Amino acid sequence: EDIQRRQYFPISDTLAKDLNRSAPMHDLGKIAVDDEILRKPGRFEPWEYERMKAHAAEGGRIVHEILKDTDDDAFHRLAENVARHHHERWDGSGYPDGLKGAEIPPEARIMAIADVYDALVSKRVYKDRMSFEKADAIMLEGMGSQFDPALRETYQAARPALEDYYRQHETA
C-alpha cells in the first residue's frame, strides 16, 4: 500500500494486490531442502549453501505447477517470478539466474527487500534478531548493489510501519 500511496516506485493496483497474494509463496521451494540444512545453526558449508540456493528455482517450478491451470495468467507469472527471483541482486550477483537491474521483475525486487528485512529483524535458528537500527543500515547499504535503488525512498518511508509491525509480533 505504501508503495502505491507514495508513488516513489509506481505500481498498479493489480500488481500490489497480486504481490500481497503471492508473498506467502515466495519460499515454497524450501520444501525441497533437507530439514537438516534448514534447521542448521551457524554458517552453511558450501555444498549446503548450494542446496539452499536451489529453493528459489524449485519454488518457481512449484508455483508454476500449482497455478498452471489458473485463468489468471498475470498472477501466475507474478507469483512464479516472486518465488524464482527474490534472491536476484541488482548488481547481477544473485541467484538462480544472475539477473541484473531491470532484468529482475519488479515484483521480485520488492519481495527481495521484504524478505531480507524480515530475515534481519527476526530470530532464526542460526541467529538472533537484529536491532532495527542495524538492519536499517544493512538495508540502506544494499541499495544499488543488492536492491533496486529506486526502492530506497519507499523502503525508508515504510520503515516506521515495519518496525511497529515487528514490535507487535515479537516472540521470545
Foldseek 3Di string as FASTA:
>chain_A
DLCCVVVLPHDDPVLVVLLVVLLVLQQVLCVVQDPCLQLPADDDDVVSVVSSLVSQQSSLVVLCVVCVPPPPVVSSVLSSLLNNQLQAFQQQPGDDPSDHHPSRPPSSLVSVLVVQLCVQQPCGSHGHHHDLVVSLVVSVVRDPTGHPVSCVVSCVVCSVVVVVVCVVVDDD
